[in-house]
Amino acid sequence: MPNLTTQLQLTRCPHCSVATPSLVTQWNGETRDQAGQNLRRWRVYACTGCGGLVTASAPHYEHPVTEHFPSAPTVPTDLPVRASTYLEQAVSSIHAPAGAVMLTASAVDAMLKAKGYTEGSLYARIDKSAADHLITEEMAQWAHAVRLDANDQRHADEAAALPTEADARRCIDFASSLGLFLFTLPARVSKGLAPLV
């Protein structure tokens, strides 16, 4: 973790995802709990690129940060390499929403292929995975929404609005949730059951 200094050194802004952001102190102070313990020093930083605020704390100034809010989006663990790569690139390019949306759809496609759904189009893979109860009907609806958002960008559909960062975040949220559901949670269950077997 970076130190609690006048500039917070994060690899990416948690708001705009710009690499090596300039996060400059706007405020600093300290807090304690109701018993007068748990002293924490705080700084609030502003990204000079997007204006988003980041709050960070440490036991002392100039010491390693113990927590910061918001944290940057993370990619779920245990994803197949291709899906993880696409999703990491989508998170890193959220400031370019059209690209992030297309990368997210590629991550969804890679996850379904890793589960054995390789035939036909992404549309067909989504429907087949729902019919086989790999994913729920609601997850299939959300997956189709992500697929359609990506199609609008890939085909440069002039009737479709360009996506916003909020649209890209919504797509990334779905892909992250799908990754948790299909890969991360099953891996955790297997690890949890291992001592019992």
N, C-alpha and C. Protein backbone atom coordinates (compact mmCIF):
# COMPACT_ATOMS: atom_id res chain seq x y z
N MET A 1 0.84 -1.19 0.00
CA MET A 1 0.00 0.00 0.00
C MET A 1 0.88 1.25 0.00
N PRO A 2 0.40 2.33 -0.61
CA PRO A 2 1.17 3.57 -0.61
C PRO A 2 1.15 4.21 0.79
N ASN A 3 1.98 5.20 0.97
CA ASN A 3 1.99 5.93 2.23
C ASN A 3 0.96 7.05 2.22
N LEU A 4 0.53 7.46 3.41
CA LEU A 4 -0.43 8.55 3.58
C LEU A 4 0.33 9.87 3.52
N THR A 5 0.62 10.31 2.30
CA THR A 5 1.37 11.53 2.07
C THR A 5 0.48 12.56 1.39
N THR A 6 1.03 13.70 1.03
CA THR A 6 0.21 14.75 0.42
C THR A 6 -0.33 14.35 -0.95
N GLN A 7 0.32 13.41 -1.61
CA GLN A 7 -0.20 12.85 -2.86
C GLN A 7 -0.31 11.34 -2.67
N LEU A 8 -1.49 10.79 -2.98
CA LEU A 8 -1.71 9.35 -2.84
C LEU A 8 -1.24 8.66 -4.11
N GLN A 9 -0.37 7.69 -3.96
CA GLN A 9 0.21 6.98 -5.11
C GLN A 9 -0.55 5.69 -5.38
N LEU A 10 -1.60 5.75 -6.18
CA LEU A 10 -2.33 4.56 -6.61
C LEU A 10 -1.98 4.26 -8.05
N THR A 11 -2.09 3.00 -8.44
CA THR A 11 -1.79 2.65 -9.83
C THR A 11 -2.88 3.16 -10.77
N ARG A 12 -4.14 3.23 -10.27
CA ARG A 12 -5.26 3.74 -11.08
C ARG A 12 -6.22 4.52 -10.21
N CYS A 13 -6.84 5.53 -10.78
CA CYS A 13 -7.89 6.26 -10.07
C CYS A 13 -9.10 5.33 -9.96
N PRO A 14 -9.68 5.18 -8.77
CA PRO A 14 -10.84 4.30 -8.65
C PRO A 14 -12.09 4.84 -9.33
N HIS A 15 -12.06 6.10 -9.75
CA HIS A 15 -13.21 6.69 -10.43
C HIS A 15 -13.08 6.62 -11.95
N CYS A 16 -11.96 7.15 -12.48
CA CYS A 16 -11.81 7.23 -13.94
C CYS A 16 -10.86 6.19 -14.51
N SER A 17 -10.18 5.44 -13.66
CA SER A 17 -9.24 4.38 -14.04
C SER A 17 -8.01 4.87 -14.79
N VAL A 18 -7.75 6.16 -14.77
CA VAL A 18 -6.54 6.65 -15.42
C VAL A 18 -5.33 6.08 -14.66
N ALA A 19 -4.31 5.70 -15.42
CA ALA A 19 -3.11 5.12 -14.81
C ALA A 19 -2.29 6.21 -14.12
N THR A 20 -1.65 5.84 -13.02
CA THR A 20 -0.85 6.74 -12.19
C THR A 20 -1.48 8.12 -12.06
N PRO A 21 -2.66 8.17 -11.42
CA PRO A 21 -3.38 9.45 -11.31
C PRO A 21 -2.67 10.42 -10.38
N SER A 22 -2.93 11.69 -10.58
CA SER A 22 -2.46 12.72 -9.66
C SER A 22 -3.57 12.93 -8.63
N LEU A 23 -3.37 12.36 -7.43
CA LEU A 23 -4.35 12.45 -6.34
C LEU A 23 -3.77 13.37 -5.27
N VAL A 24 -4.33 14.58 -5.17
CA VAL A 24 -3.79 15.64 -4.34
C VAL A 24 -4.67 15.85 -3.11
N THR A 25 -4.05 16.05 -1.94
CA THR A 25 -4.77 16.25 -0.68
C THR A 25 -5.69 17.47 -0.75
N GLN A 26 -6.93 17.27 -0.32
CA GLN A 26 -7.91 18.35 -0.20
C GLN A 26 -8.21 18.64 1.27
N TRP A 27 -8.05 17.62 2.13
CA TRP A 27 -8.37 17.75 3.56
C TRP A 27 -7.61 16.67 4.31
N ASN A 28 -7.26 16.95 5.56
CA ASN A 28 -6.72 15.91 6.43
C ASN A 28 -7.21 16.14 7.86
N GLY A 29 -7.28 15.06 8.62
CA GLY A 29 -7.74 15.11 10.00
C GLY A 29 -7.55 13.76 10.66
N GLU A 30 -8.05 13.65 11.90
CA GLU A 30 -7.92 12.38 12.60
C GLU A 30 -9.20 12.06 13.35
N THR A 31 -9.40 10.77 13.61
CA THR A 31 -10.57 10.29 14.34
C THR A 31 -10.13 9.23 15.34
N ARG A 32 -10.99 9.03 16.34
CA ARG A 32 -10.83 7.95 17.32
C ARG A 32 -12.20 7.32 17.52
N ASP A 33 -12.21 6.11 18.10
CA ASP A 33 -13.49 5.48 18.40
C ASP A 33 -14.09 6.07 19.68
N GLN A 34 -15.26 5.55 20.09
CA GLN A 34 -15.98 6.10 21.24
C GLN A 34 -15.21 6.00 22.54
N ALA A 35 -14.24 5.11 22.63
CA ALA A 35 -13.42 4.95 23.84
C ALA A 35 -12.12 5.76 23.76
N GLY A 36 -12.00 6.57 22.72
CA GLY A 36 -10.79 7.36 22.56
C GLY A 36 -9.61 6.57 22.02
N GLN A 37 -9.86 5.37 21.52
CA GLN A 37 -8.82 4.50 20.96
C GLN A 37 -8.92 4.49 19.43
N ASN A 38 -8.16 3.60 18.82
CA ASN A 38 -8.18 3.40 17.36
C ASN A 38 -7.95 4.71 16.61
N LEU A 39 -6.87 5.41 16.95
CA LEU A 39 -6.51 6.65 16.26
C LEU A 39 -6.22 6.36 14.79
N ARG A 40 -6.88 7.10 13.93
CA ARG A 40 -6.63 7.01 12.49
C ARG A 40 -6.44 8.41 11.94
N ARG A 41 -5.43 8.58 11.11
CA ARG A 41 -5.21 9.83 10.40
C ARG A 41 -5.81 9.66 9.01
N TRP A 42 -6.49 10.68 8.55
CA TRP A 42 -7.21 10.62 7.28
C TRP A 42 -6.74 11.72 6.34
N ARG A 43 -6.80 11.43 5.08
CA ARG A 43 -6.64 12.45 4.03
C ARG A 43 -7.72 12.19 2.98
N VAL A 44 -8.23 13.27 2.43
CA VAL A 44 -9.14 13.18 1.29
C VAL A 44 -8.40 13.76 0.10
N TYR A 45 -8.35 12.99 -0.97
CA TYR A 45 -7.61 13.38 -2.17
C TYR A 45 -8.59 13.60 -3.32
N ALA A 46 -8.22 14.49 -4.23
CA ALA A 46 -9.00 14.69 -5.46
C ALA A 46 -8.13 14.31 -6.65
N CYS A 47 -8.72 13.57 -7.57
CA CYS A 47 -8.05 13.24 -8.82
C CYS A 47 -8.07 14.49 -9.69
N THR A 48 -6.91 14.95 -10.14
CA THR A 48 -6.87 16.15 -10.96
C THR A 48 -7.44 15.91 -12.36
N GLY A 49 -7.58 14.64 -12.73
CA GLY A 49 -8.15 14.32 -14.04
C GLY A 49 -9.66 14.35 -14.06
N CYS A 50 -10.28 13.62 -13.11
CA CYS A 50 -11.75 13.51 -13.14
C CYS A 50 -12.44 14.24 -12.00
N GLY A 51 -11.68 14.66 -10.99
CA GLY A 51 -12.28 15.35 -9.85
C GLY A 51 -12.87 14.42 -8.81
N GLY A 52 -12.77 13.12 -9.00
CA GLY A 52 -13.28 12.17 -8.03
C GLY A 52 -12.48 12.22 -6.74
N LEU A 53 -13.15 11.98 -5.61
CA LEU A 53 -12.49 12.01 -4.31
C LEU A 53 -12.16 10.61 -3.82
N VAL A 54 -11.01 10.48 -3.16
CA VAL A 54 -10.57 9.23 -2.55
C VAL A 54 -10.20 9.55 -1.11
N THR A 55 -10.73 8.78 -0.18
CA THR A 55 -10.43 8.92 1.24
C THR A 55 -9.49 7.79 1.64
N ALA A 56 -8.44 8.15 2.39
CA ALA A 56 -7.47 7.14 2.83
C ALA A 56 -7.10 7.39 4.29
N SER A 57 -6.75 6.30 5.00
CA SER A 57 -6.34 6.45 6.39
C SER A 57 -5.13 5.57 6.69
N ALA A 58 -4.43 5.96 7.77
CA ALA A 58 -3.28 5.22 8.28
C ALA A 58 -3.15 5.58 9.76
N PRO A 59 -2.42 4.77 10.53
CA PRO A 59 -2.24 5.10 11.94
C PRO A 59 -1.49 6.43 12.13
N HIS A 60 -0.58 6.75 11.19
CA HIS A 60 0.21 7.98 11.26
C HIS A 60 0.41 8.50 9.84
N TYR A 61 0.57 9.81 9.69
CA TYR A 61 0.93 10.38 8.40
C TYR A 61 2.29 9.84 7.98
N GLU A 62 2.47 9.71 6.69
CA GLU A 62 3.71 9.20 6.11
C GLU A 62 3.89 7.69 6.34
N HIS A 63 2.87 7.01 6.87
CA HIS A 63 2.91 5.56 7.06
C HIS A 63 2.03 4.90 5.99
N PRO A 64 2.16 3.58 5.81
CA PRO A 64 1.35 2.90 4.79
C PRO A 64 -0.16 3.03 5.06
N VAL A 65 -0.89 3.27 3.99
CA VAL A 65 -2.35 3.37 4.05
C VAL A 65 -2.92 2.01 4.44
N THR A 66 -3.85 2.00 5.38
CA THR A 66 -4.48 0.75 5.80
C THR A 66 -5.82 0.52 5.10
N GLU A 67 -6.43 1.61 4.62
CA GLU A 67 -7.71 1.49 3.91
C GLU A 67 -7.91 2.72 3.05
N HIS A 68 -8.56 2.54 1.92
CA HIS A 68 -8.96 3.70 1.10
C HIS A 68 -10.28 3.40 0.41
N PHE A 69 -11.03 4.48 0.21
CA PHE A 69 -12.39 4.37 -0.34
C PHE A 69 -12.57 5.42 -1.43
N PRO A 70 -13.18 5.13 -2.55
CA PRO A 70 -13.51 3.76 -2.95
C PRO A 70 -12.26 3.04 -3.40
N SER A 71 -12.33 1.74 -3.37
CA SER A 71 -11.22 0.96 -3.91
C SER A 71 -11.46 0.77 -5.40
N ALA A 72 -10.42 0.56 -6.12
CA ALA A 72 -10.55 0.35 -7.56
C ALA A 72 -11.26 -0.96 -7.82
N PRO A 73 -12.05 -1.04 -8.88
CA PRO A 73 -12.70 -2.31 -9.20
C PRO A 73 -11.65 -3.40 -9.40
N THR A 74 -11.97 -4.60 -8.96
CA THR A 74 -11.05 -5.72 -9.12
C THR A 74 -11.73 -6.83 -9.91
N VAL A 75 -10.91 -7.63 -10.52
CA VAL A 75 -11.40 -8.77 -11.29
C VAL A 75 -11.48 -9.97 -10.36
N PRO A 76 -12.58 -10.73 -10.39
CA PRO A 76 -12.69 -11.90 -9.52
C PRO A 76 -11.54 -12.88 -9.75
N THR A 77 -11.21 -13.60 -8.70
CA THR A 77 -10.15 -14.61 -8.81
C THR A 77 -10.68 -15.87 -9.48
N ASP A 78 -9.79 -16.71 -9.89
CA ASP A 78 -10.10 -18.03 -10.46
C ASP A 78 -10.77 -17.98 -11.82
N LEU A 79 -10.72 -16.84 -12.51
CA LEU A 79 -11.28 -16.78 -13.86
C LEU A 79 -10.29 -17.41 -14.84
N PRO A 80 -10.78 -17.96 -15.94
CA PRO A 80 -9.87 -18.42 -16.98
C PRO A 80 -9.05 -17.23 -17.49
N VAL A 81 -7.85 -17.50 -17.97
CA VAL A 81 -6.90 -16.45 -18.34
C VAL A 81 -7.51 -15.47 -19.35
N ARG A 82 -8.13 -15.98 -20.39
CA ARG A 82 -8.66 -15.09 -21.43
C ARG A 82 -9.76 -14.19 -20.86
N ALA A 83 -10.67 -14.76 -20.09
CA ALA A 83 -11.76 -13.96 -19.50
C ALA A 83 -11.20 -12.92 -18.54
N SER A 84 -10.23 -13.33 -17.73
CA SER A 84 -9.60 -12.42 -16.78
C SER A 84 -8.90 -11.26 -17.50
N THR A 85 -8.21 -11.58 -18.57
CA THR A 85 -7.49 -10.55 -19.34
C THR A 85 -8.47 -9.55 -19.93
N TYR A 86 -9.54 -10.04 -20.56
CA TYR A 86 -10.53 -9.13 -21.14
C TYR A 86 -11.15 -8.24 -20.06
N LEU A 87 -11.49 -8.84 -18.92
CA LEU A 87 -12.15 -8.07 -17.86
C LEU A 87 -11.19 -7.06 -17.24
N GLU A 88 -9.92 -7.44 -17.05
CA GLU A 88 -8.93 -6.49 -16.53
C GLU A 88 -8.76 -5.32 -17.50
N GLN A 89 -8.75 -5.60 -18.79
CA GLN A 89 -8.62 -4.52 -19.77
C GLN A 89 -9.86 -3.64 -19.79
N ALA A 90 -11.03 -4.23 -19.57
CA ALA A 90 -12.26 -3.43 -19.51
C ALA A 90 -12.22 -2.48 -18.31
N VAL A 91 -11.80 -3.00 -17.16
CA VAL A 91 -11.69 -2.16 -15.96
C VAL A 91 -10.69 -1.04 -16.19
N SER A 92 -9.57 -1.37 -16.82
CA SER A 92 -8.52 -0.38 -17.06
C SER A 92 -8.93 0.68 -18.08
N SER A 93 -9.91 0.37 -18.92
CA SER A 93 -10.30 1.32 -19.96
C SER A 93 -11.69 1.89 -19.75
N ILE A 94 -12.15 1.92 -18.51
CA ILE A 94 -13.50 2.41 -18.24
C ILE A 94 -13.66 3.86 -18.67
N HIS A 95 -12.55 4.60 -18.73
CA HIS A 95 -12.59 5.99 -19.20
C HIS A 95 -12.86 6.05 -20.71
N ALA A 96 -12.78 4.91 -21.40
CA ALA A 96 -13.14 4.79 -22.81
C ALA A 96 -14.29 3.79 -22.88
N PRO A 97 -15.51 4.23 -22.54
CA PRO A 97 -16.63 3.31 -22.31
C PRO A 97 -16.97 2.38 -23.47
N ALA A 98 -16.88 2.85 -24.70
CA ALA A 98 -17.23 1.98 -25.83
C ALA A 98 -16.30 0.77 -25.86
N GLY A 99 -15.01 1.01 -25.68
CA GLY A 99 -14.05 -0.10 -25.66
C GLY A 99 -14.26 -1.00 -24.46
N ALA A 100 -14.55 -0.42 -23.30
CA ALA A 100 -14.77 -1.21 -22.09
C ALA A 100 -15.97 -2.12 -22.25
N VAL A 101 -17.03 -1.63 -22.89
CA VAL A 101 -18.23 -2.45 -23.10
C VAL A 101 -17.92 -3.62 -24.01
N MET A 102 -17.17 -3.38 -25.09
CA MET A 102 -16.83 -4.47 -26.00
C MET A 102 -15.93 -5.50 -25.33
N LEU A 103 -14.97 -5.04 -24.54
CA LEU A 103 -14.09 -5.96 -23.82
C LEU A 103 -14.88 -6.79 -22.80
N THR A 104 -15.87 -6.17 -22.17
CA THR A 104 -16.68 -6.89 -21.19
C THR A 104 -17.47 -8.00 -21.87
N ALA A 105 -18.04 -7.72 -23.03
CA ALA A 105 -18.77 -8.76 -23.76
C ALA A 105 -17.82 -9.90 -24.14
N SER A 106 -16.59 -9.58 -24.49
CA SER A 106 -15.60 -10.62 -24.79
C SER A 106 -15.30 -11.45 -23.56
N ALA A 107 -15.25 -10.81 -22.37
CA ALA A 107 -15.03 -11.55 -21.13
C ALA A 107 -16.17 -12.52 -20.87
N VAL A 108 -17.41 -12.07 -21.08
CA VAL A 108 -18.57 -12.94 -20.88
C VAL A 108 -18.49 -14.12 -21.85
N ASP A 109 -18.17 -13.84 -23.09
CA ASP A 109 -18.05 -14.89 -24.11
C ASP A 109 -16.97 -15.90 -23.71
N ALA A 110 -15.83 -15.40 -23.23
CA ALA A 110 -14.74 -16.29 -22.83
C ALA A 110 -15.13 -17.17 -21.64
N MET A 111 -15.91 -16.61 -20.71
CA MET A 111 -16.37 -17.41 -19.56
C MET A 111 -17.27 -18.55 -20.02
N LEU A 112 -18.21 -18.25 -20.92
CA LEU A 112 -19.12 -19.30 -21.39
C LEU A 112 -18.36 -20.36 -22.19
N LYS A 113 -17.40 -19.93 -22.98
CA LYS A 113 -16.59 -20.90 -23.73
C LYS A 113 -15.79 -21.79 -22.79
N ALA A 114 -15.28 -21.21 -21.71
CA ALA A 114 -14.52 -22.00 -20.74
C ALA A 114 -15.40 -23.03 -20.05
N LYS A 115 -16.70 -22.79 -20.02
CA LYS A 115 -17.65 -23.74 -19.43
C LYS A 115 -18.16 -24.74 -20.47
N GLY A 116 -17.59 -24.70 -21.69
CA GLY A 116 -17.94 -25.68 -22.71
C GLY A 116 -18.98 -25.21 -23.72
N TYR A 117 -19.41 -23.97 -23.63
CA TYR A 117 -20.40 -23.44 -24.58
C TYR A 117 -19.65 -22.73 -25.70
N THR A 118 -19.30 -23.52 -26.72
CA THR A 118 -18.45 -23.00 -27.79
C THR A 118 -19.16 -22.91 -29.13
N GLU A 119 -20.31 -23.50 -29.24
CA GLU A 119 -21.02 -23.54 -30.53
C GLU A 119 -21.85 -22.28 -30.75
N GLY A 120 -21.90 -21.85 -32.02
CA GLY A 120 -22.77 -20.76 -32.42
C GLY A 120 -22.28 -19.40 -31.96
N SER A 121 -23.23 -18.46 -31.93
CA SER A 121 -22.92 -17.08 -31.57
C SER A 121 -23.00 -16.89 -30.06
N LEU A 122 -22.60 -15.73 -29.61
CA LEU A 122 -22.73 -15.41 -28.19
C LEU A 122 -24.20 -15.47 -27.78
N TYR A 123 -25.07 -15.00 -28.64
CA TYR A 123 -26.52 -15.06 -28.39
C TYR A 123 -26.93 -16.51 -28.08
N ALA A 124 -26.50 -17.43 -28.94
CA ALA A 124 -26.86 -18.84 -28.77
C ALA A 124 -26.22 -19.43 -27.51
N ARG A 125 -24.98 -19.04 -27.22
CA ARG A 125 -24.30 -19.55 -26.01
C ARG A 125 -25.00 -19.08 -24.74
N ILE A 126 -25.44 -17.84 -24.73
CA ILE A 126 -26.17 -17.32 -23.56
C ILE A 126 -27.47 -18.10 -23.37
N ASP A 127 -28.23 -18.25 -24.44
CA ASP A 127 -29.51 -18.97 -24.34
C ASP A 127 -29.31 -20.43 -23.94
N LYS A 128 -28.29 -21.08 -24.50
CA LYS A 128 -28.04 -22.49 -24.17
C LYS A 128 -27.60 -22.64 -22.71
N SER A 129 -26.77 -21.72 -22.21
CA SER A 129 -26.33 -21.82 -20.82
C SER A 129 -27.49 -21.58 -19.86
N ALA A 130 -28.46 -20.75 -20.25
CA ALA A 130 -29.66 -20.55 -19.42
C ALA A 130 -30.56 -21.78 -19.49
N ALA A 131 -30.73 -22.35 -20.69
CA ALA A 131 -31.57 -23.54 -20.85
C ALA A 131 -30.99 -24.72 -20.06
N ASP A 132 -29.67 -24.79 -19.97
CA ASP A 132 -29.00 -25.86 -19.22
C ASP A 132 -28.89 -25.55 -17.72
N HIS A 133 -29.42 -24.41 -17.33
CA HIS A 133 -29.40 -23.96 -15.92
C HIS A 133 -28.00 -23.70 -15.38
N LEU A 134 -27.06 -23.39 -16.28
CA LEU A 134 -25.75 -22.93 -15.83
C LEU A 134 -25.89 -21.54 -15.23
N ILE A 135 -26.70 -20.70 -15.88
CA ILE A 135 -27.02 -19.37 -15.37
C ILE A 135 -28.53 -19.25 -15.28
N THR A 136 -29.00 -18.28 -14.51
CA THR A 136 -30.45 -18.06 -14.36
C THR A 136 -30.99 -17.30 -15.57
N GLU A 137 -32.29 -17.29 -15.71
CA GLU A 137 -32.93 -16.52 -16.79
C GLU A 137 -32.61 -15.03 -16.65
N GLU A 138 -32.57 -14.53 -15.40
CA GLU A 138 -32.26 -13.12 -15.18
C GLU A 138 -30.82 -12.80 -15.57
N MET A 139 -29.91 -13.74 -15.29
CA MET A 139 -28.53 -13.54 -15.70
C MET A 139 -28.43 -13.55 -17.22
N ALA A 140 -29.21 -14.38 -17.86
CA ALA A 140 -29.22 -14.43 -19.33
C ALA A 140 -29.72 -13.10 -19.89
N GLN A 141 -30.75 -12.53 -19.26
CA GLN A 141 -31.26 -11.23 -19.73
C GLN A 141 -30.19 -10.16 -19.62
N TRP A 142 -29.48 -10.15 -18.50
CA TRP A 142 -28.41 -9.17 -18.31
C TRP A 142 -27.28 -9.40 -19.29
N ALA A 143 -26.94 -10.68 -19.52
CA ALA A 143 -25.89 -11.01 -20.49
C ALA A 143 -26.27 -10.53 -21.89
N HIS A 144 -27.54 -10.71 -22.24
CA HIS A 144 -27.99 -10.22 -23.56
C HIS A 144 -27.91 -8.70 -23.64
N ALA A 145 -28.19 -8.00 -22.54
CA ALA A 145 -28.09 -6.54 -22.53
C ALA A 145 -26.64 -6.12 -22.78
N VAL A 146 -25.70 -6.81 -22.14
CA VAL A 146 -24.28 -6.51 -22.35
C VAL A 146 -23.91 -6.82 -23.80
N ARG A 147 -24.38 -7.95 -24.30
CA ARG A 147 -24.08 -8.35 -25.69
C ARG A 147 -24.59 -7.30 -26.66
N LEU A 148 -25.82 -6.83 -26.45
CA LEU A 148 -26.41 -5.83 -27.34
C LEU A 148 -25.67 -4.49 -27.25
N ASP A 149 -25.27 -4.10 -26.03
CA ASP A 149 -24.50 -2.87 -25.88
C ASP A 149 -23.19 -2.96 -26.67
N ALA A 150 -22.55 -4.12 -26.61
CA ALA A 150 -21.29 -4.31 -27.35
C ALA A 150 -21.54 -4.32 -28.85
N ASN A 151 -22.63 -4.96 -29.27
CA ASN A 151 -22.95 -4.99 -30.71
C ASN A 151 -23.16 -3.58 -31.26
N ASP A 152 -23.83 -2.73 -30.48
CA ASP A 152 -24.05 -1.35 -30.92
C ASP A 152 -22.72 -0.66 -31.21
N GLN A 153 -21.72 -0.94 -30.38
CA GLN A 153 -20.41 -0.29 -30.56
C GLN A 153 -19.61 -0.95 -31.68
N ARG A 154 -19.63 -2.28 -31.72
CA ARG A 154 -18.86 -2.99 -32.75
C ARG A 154 -19.35 -2.66 -34.15
N HIS A 155 -20.66 -2.48 -34.28
CA HIS A 155 -21.24 -2.22 -35.60
C HIS A 155 -21.42 -0.74 -35.86
N ALA A 156 -20.95 0.11 -34.94
CA ALA A 156 -21.06 1.56 -35.06
C ALA A 156 -22.49 1.97 -35.42
N ASP A 157 -23.45 1.42 -34.68
CA ASP A 157 -24.87 1.70 -34.92
C ASP A 157 -25.15 3.17 -34.63
N GLU A 158 -25.45 3.92 -35.69
CA GLU A 158 -25.67 5.36 -35.54
C GLU A 158 -26.93 5.69 -34.76
N ALA A 159 -27.87 4.75 -34.67
CA ALA A 159 -29.09 4.99 -33.91
C ALA A 159 -28.89 4.79 -32.41
N ALA A 160 -27.82 4.13 -32.05
CA ALA A 160 -27.55 3.83 -30.63
C ALA A 160 -26.69 4.94 -30.03
N ALA A 161 -27.01 5.30 -28.80
CA ALA A 161 -26.22 6.31 -28.09
C ALA A 161 -24.86 5.71 -27.71
N LEU A 162 -23.87 6.55 -27.65
CA LEU A 162 -22.56 6.09 -27.18
C LEU A 162 -22.67 5.79 -25.69
N PRO A 163 -22.02 4.73 -25.22
CA PRO A 163 -22.12 4.39 -23.80
C PRO A 163 -21.39 5.40 -22.92
N THR A 164 -21.86 5.52 -21.70
CA THR A 164 -21.22 6.37 -20.70
C THR A 164 -20.37 5.49 -19.79
N GLU A 165 -19.62 6.13 -18.89
CA GLU A 165 -18.86 5.35 -17.92
C GLU A 165 -19.80 4.54 -17.04
N ALA A 166 -20.98 5.09 -16.74
CA ALA A 166 -21.96 4.35 -15.94
C ALA A 166 -22.41 3.09 -16.68
N ASP A 167 -22.60 3.18 -17.99
CA ASP A 167 -22.96 2.01 -18.79
C ASP A 167 -21.84 0.97 -18.74
N ALA A 168 -20.61 1.43 -18.88
CA ALA A 168 -19.47 0.51 -18.84
C ALA A 168 -19.38 -0.17 -17.47
N ARG A 169 -19.60 0.60 -16.39
CA ARG A 169 -19.55 0.02 -15.03
C ARG A 169 -20.64 -1.04 -14.86
N ARG A 170 -21.82 -0.78 -15.42
CA ARG A 170 -22.92 -1.74 -15.32
C ARG A 170 -22.52 -3.04 -16.03
N CYS A 171 -21.91 -2.94 -17.19
CA CYS A 171 -21.48 -4.13 -17.92
C CYS A 171 -20.38 -4.87 -17.15
N ILE A 172 -19.42 -4.12 -16.62
CA ILE A 172 -18.34 -4.73 -15.84
C ILE A 172 -18.89 -5.39 -14.60
N ASP A 173 -19.88 -4.76 -13.96
CA ASP A 173 -20.52 -5.36 -12.77
C ASP A 173 -21.12 -6.71 -13.11
N PHE A 174 -21.77 -6.79 -14.27
CA PHE A 174 -22.35 -8.07 -14.66
C PHE A 174 -21.27 -9.13 -14.88
N ALA A 175 -20.25 -8.76 -15.66
CA ALA A 175 -19.20 -9.74 -15.96
C ALA A 175 -18.50 -10.20 -14.68
N SER A 176 -18.28 -9.27 -13.76
CA SER A 176 -17.67 -9.64 -12.47
C SER A 176 -18.57 -10.58 -11.69
N SER A 177 -19.88 -10.28 -11.68
CA SER A 177 -20.83 -11.14 -10.98
C SER A 177 -20.88 -12.53 -11.62
N LEU A 178 -20.86 -12.56 -12.94
CA LEU A 178 -20.87 -13.84 -13.65
C LEU A 178 -19.61 -14.63 -13.32
N GLY A 179 -18.46 -13.96 -13.27
CA GLY A 179 -17.21 -14.63 -12.93
C GLY A 179 -17.24 -15.19 -11.51
N LEU A 180 -17.80 -14.41 -10.58
CA LEU A 180 -17.94 -14.91 -9.21
C LEU A 180 -18.81 -16.16 -9.17
N PHE A 181 -19.94 -16.09 -9.89
CA PHE A 181 -20.92 -17.18 -9.89
C PHE A 181 -20.38 -18.45 -10.54
N LEU A 182 -19.72 -18.28 -11.69
CA LEU A 182 -19.27 -19.45 -12.46
C LEU A 182 -17.92 -20.02 -12.01
N PHE A 183 -17.04 -19.18 -11.46
CA PHE A 183 -15.68 -19.64 -11.19
C PHE A 183 -15.23 -19.43 -9.74
N THR A 184 -15.36 -18.23 -9.22
CA THR A 184 -14.81 -17.93 -7.90
C THR A 184 -15.52 -18.70 -6.80
N LEU A 185 -16.86 -18.64 -6.76
CA LEU A 185 -17.60 -19.34 -5.70
C LEU A 185 -17.41 -20.85 -5.77
N PRO A 186 -17.51 -21.47 -6.94
CA PRO A 186 -17.25 -22.92 -6.98
C PRO A 186 -15.84 -23.27 -6.50
N ALA A 187 -14.85 -22.44 -6.83
CA ALA A 187 -13.48 -22.72 -6.37
C ALA A 187 -13.39 -22.61 -4.85
N ARG A 188 -14.07 -21.62 -4.28
CA ARG A 188 -14.07 -21.46 -2.82
C ARG A 188 -14.77 -22.63 -2.14
N VAL A 189 -15.87 -23.09 -2.71
CA VAL A 189 -16.59 -24.24 -2.15
C VAL A 189 -15.70 -25.47 -2.19
N SER A 190 -15.01 -25.70 -3.30
CA SER A 190 -14.11 -26.84 -3.41
C SER A 190 -13.01 -26.78 -2.36
N LYS A 191 -12.43 -25.59 -2.17
CA LYS A 191 -11.37 -25.43 -1.16
C LYS A 191 -11.93 -25.65 0.24
N GLY A 192 -13.17 -25.18 0.48
CA GLY A 192 -13.79 -25.36 1.79
C GLY A 192 -14.13 -26.81 2.08
N LEU A 193 -14.47 -27.56 1.05
CA LEU A 193 -14.82 -28.97 1.23
C LEU A 193 -13.59 -29.88 1.28
N ALA A 194 -12.47 -29.41 0.79
CA ALA A 194 -11.28 -30.26 0.70
C ALA A 194 -10.91 -30.91 2.04
N PRO A 195 -10.91 -30.18 3.17
CA PRO A 195 -10.55 -30.83 4.43
C PRO A 195 -11.59 -31.87 4.89
N LEU A 196 -12.81 -31.77 4.36
CA LEU A 196 -13.87 -32.67 4.79
C LEU A 196 -13.87 -33.99 4.02
N VAL A 197 -13.21 -34.01 2.88
CA VAL A 197 -13.22 -35.18 2.02
C VAL A 197 -12.10 -36.13 2.40
